[in-house]
Protein backbone atom coordinates (compact mmCIF):
# COMPACT_ATOMS: atom_id res chain seq x y z
CA MET A 1 14.27 -1.44 -2.92
CA GLY A 2 12.03 0.24 -4.99
CA ARG A 3 13.98 1.97 -7.81
CA ALA A 4 16.14 -0.21 -10.10
CA GLY A 5 19.70 -0.18 -10.59
CA ARG A 6 20.00 1.21 -6.75
CA GLU A 7 24.00 0.46 -5.27
CA PHE A 8 23.56 -1.10 -1.66
CA VAL A 9 25.94 -1.90 0.97
CA CYS A 10 25.85 -5.41 2.65
CA ASP A 11 24.43 -4.50 6.18
CA VAL A 12 27.08 -7.00 7.85
CA CYS A 13 30.36 -5.97 6.21
CA ILE A 14 29.79 -1.88 7.03
CA VAL A 15 32.60 -0.58 9.15
CA GLY A 16 32.52 2.53 11.17
CA ASP A 17 32.95 4.79 8.59
CA GLY A 18 30.24 3.87 6.81
CA ALA A 19 32.53 1.94 3.88
CA PRO A 20 32.03 -1.31 2.93
CA GLU A 21 34.51 -3.97 4.41
CA LYS A 22 35.85 -5.09 1.24
CA GLU A 23 35.20 -4.25 -2.41
CA SER A 24 32.92 -7.36 -2.31
CA CYS A 25 30.14 -6.46 -0.29
CA VAL A 26 29.13 -3.70 -3.26
CA GLY A 27 26.27 -4.58 -5.08
CA LEU A 28 23.34 -3.21 -7.64
CA ILE A 29 19.99 -4.28 -6.97
CA VAL A 30 18.43 -4.61 -10.76
CA GLY A 31 14.90 -5.52 -11.18
CA VAL A 32 14.09 -5.37 -7.83
CA THR A 33 10.48 -3.96 -6.66
CA MET A 34 8.81 -4.02 -3.14
CA PRO A 35 4.84 -5.05 -3.70
CA ASN A 36 2.28 -3.20 -3.26
CA PHE A 37 -0.17 -4.08 -0.57
CA CYS A 38 -3.99 -3.31 -0.61
CA ALA A 39 -4.69 -1.05 2.28
CA ALA A 40 -8.22 -1.71 2.19
CA PRO A 41 -9.83 -3.55 5.52
CA ASN A 42 -10.01 -7.29 4.43
CA CYS A 43 -8.51 -6.75 1.22
CA THR A 44 -5.43 -9.15 0.77
CA ARG A 45 -4.64 -8.62 -2.76
CA LYS A 46 -1.06 -7.64 -3.57
CA SER A 47 0.45 -6.61 -6.57
CA THR A 48 2.46 -9.72 -6.91
CA GLN A 49 -0.37 -11.92 -7.28
CA SER A 50 -2.61 -10.31 -9.78
CA ASP A 51 -2.62 -7.96 -12.81
CA LEU A 52 -4.88 -5.73 -10.60
CA ALA A 53 -4.02 -1.75 -10.43
CA PHE A 54 -2.97 -0.03 -7.84
CA PHE A 55 -3.68 3.94 -6.96
CA ARG A 56 -1.98 6.14 -4.92
CA PHE A 57 -3.96 7.78 -2.07
CA PRO A 58 -4.20 11.25 -3.25
CA ARG A 59 -1.89 14.48 -2.82
CA ASP A 60 -4.84 16.61 -2.40
CA PRO A 61 -5.71 17.02 1.21
CA ALA A 62 -9.41 17.00 1.07
CA ARG A 63 -10.16 13.77 -2.03
CA CYS A 64 -7.29 12.12 0.52
CA LYS A 65 -9.59 12.85 3.22
CA LYS A 66 -12.30 11.33 1.43
CA TRP A 67 -10.50 8.06 0.32
CA VAL A 68 -9.34 7.70 4.14
CA GLU A 69 -13.33 8.15 5.27
CA ASN A 70 -14.42 5.72 2.43
CA CYS A 71 -12.09 2.83 4.11
CA ARG A 72 -12.85 3.21 7.38
CA ARG A 73 -9.26 3.04 8.28
CA ALA A 74 -9.01 5.24 11.72
CA ASP A 75 -5.48 4.42 11.58
CA LEU A 76 -4.82 6.18 9.13
CA GLU A 77 -6.84 9.60 10.01
CA ASP A 78 -3.50 10.97 11.68
CA LYS A 79 -1.48 11.19 8.38
CA THR A 80 -1.01 13.45 6.23
CA ALA A 81 -1.96 13.37 2.43
CA ASP A 82 1.95 13.48 1.39
CA GLN A 83 2.53 10.54 3.57
CA LEU A 84 -0.67 8.55 2.25
CA ASN A 85 0.23 8.87 -1.18
CA LYS A 86 3.84 8.00 -0.29
CA HIS A 87 3.32 4.52 1.37
CA TYR A 88 -0.41 3.58 0.98
CA ARG A 89 -2.02 2.09 -2.06
CA LEU A 90 -5.55 0.65 -2.76
CA CYS A 91 -6.60 -1.71 -5.69
CA ALA A 92 -8.71 -1.33 -8.47
CA GLN A 93 -11.43 -3.67 -6.84
CA HIS A 94 -11.99 -0.53 -4.84
CA PHE A 95 -12.83 1.69 -7.50
CA GLU A 96 -16.26 1.73 -9.74
CA THR A 97 -15.06 0.73 -13.53
CA SER A 98 -16.49 4.11 -14.76
CA MET A 99 -13.64 5.99 -12.31
CA ILE A 100 -10.91 3.39 -14.29
CA CYS A 101 -9.83 4.40 -17.62
CA ARG A 102 -6.88 2.75 -19.27
CA SER A 103 -5.16 4.43 -21.56
CA SER A 104 -3.47 1.70 -23.23
CA PRO A 105 -2.55 -2.19 -22.22
CA TYR A 106 0.06 -0.95 -20.04
CA ARG A 107 -1.28 2.11 -18.34
CA THR A 108 -4.00 1.88 -15.81
CA VAL A 109 -5.18 5.49 -14.38
CA LEU A 110 -7.77 7.06 -12.63
CA ARG A 111 -10.42 9.76 -13.39
CA GLU A 112 -9.10 13.04 -11.33
CA ASN A 113 -12.47 12.87 -9.01
CA ALA A 114 -11.97 9.40 -8.78
CA VAL A 115 -13.11 8.37 -4.92
CA PRO A 116 -13.16 4.44 -3.90
CA THR A 117 -16.73 3.48 -3.02
CA ILE A 118 -16.38 -0.55 -3.27
CA PHE A 119 -15.36 -2.45 0.12
CA ASP A 120 -16.28 -5.23 1.82
CA LEU A 121 -16.77 -4.04 5.37
CA THR A 122 -19.08 -7.25 6.90
CA SER A 123 -16.28 -9.92 6.19
CA HIS A 124 -15.02 -9.51 9.86
CA LEU A 125 -18.44 -10.56 10.79
CA ASN A 126 -18.53 -13.85 9.25
CA ASN A 127 -14.73 -14.47 10.98
CA PRO A 128 -15.66 -16.50 14.07
CA HIS A 129 -12.49 -15.83 15.18
CA SER A 130 -12.99 -11.88 14.97
CA ARG A 131 -16.46 -11.96 16.99
CA HIS A 132 -15.02 -12.86 20.31
CA ARG A 133 -12.72 -10.46 22.08
CA LYS A 134 -11.04 -11.42 25.12
CA ARG A 135 -12.92 -10.45 27.81
CA ILE A 136 -11.70 -9.19 31.08
CA LYS A 137 -12.00 -11.33 34.19
CA GLU A 138 -13.56 -9.83 37.09
CA LEU A 139 -12.02 -10.37 40.01
């Protein structure tokens, strides 16, 4: 859904050969984009809620690995740099201001060696629900 102007077919009206059942079921998605969600732990920012820039994970495997390590997201460790680049983003809040370049009012880029270093890794301690794990009943 990310690209504007892409053709789509209503899932309900597709017949066996993959063609739409009726002409009116073929439409055009115009200007529809999926929001970016920040992949950092304890960060709930998404692109539709703020003007913050979001950055893709780097394609360079070594640098990408450093981003994952700094995020402390074990669930991302088994993903390739290409998968992370395609599906995951970090918002600008996780980078030192010296790592961010605003080349114009409409474009924000990271320096080539930028690595995220600002994370809230303690907020789970303030949440009373996350401190208590279910205990296994002893028989």
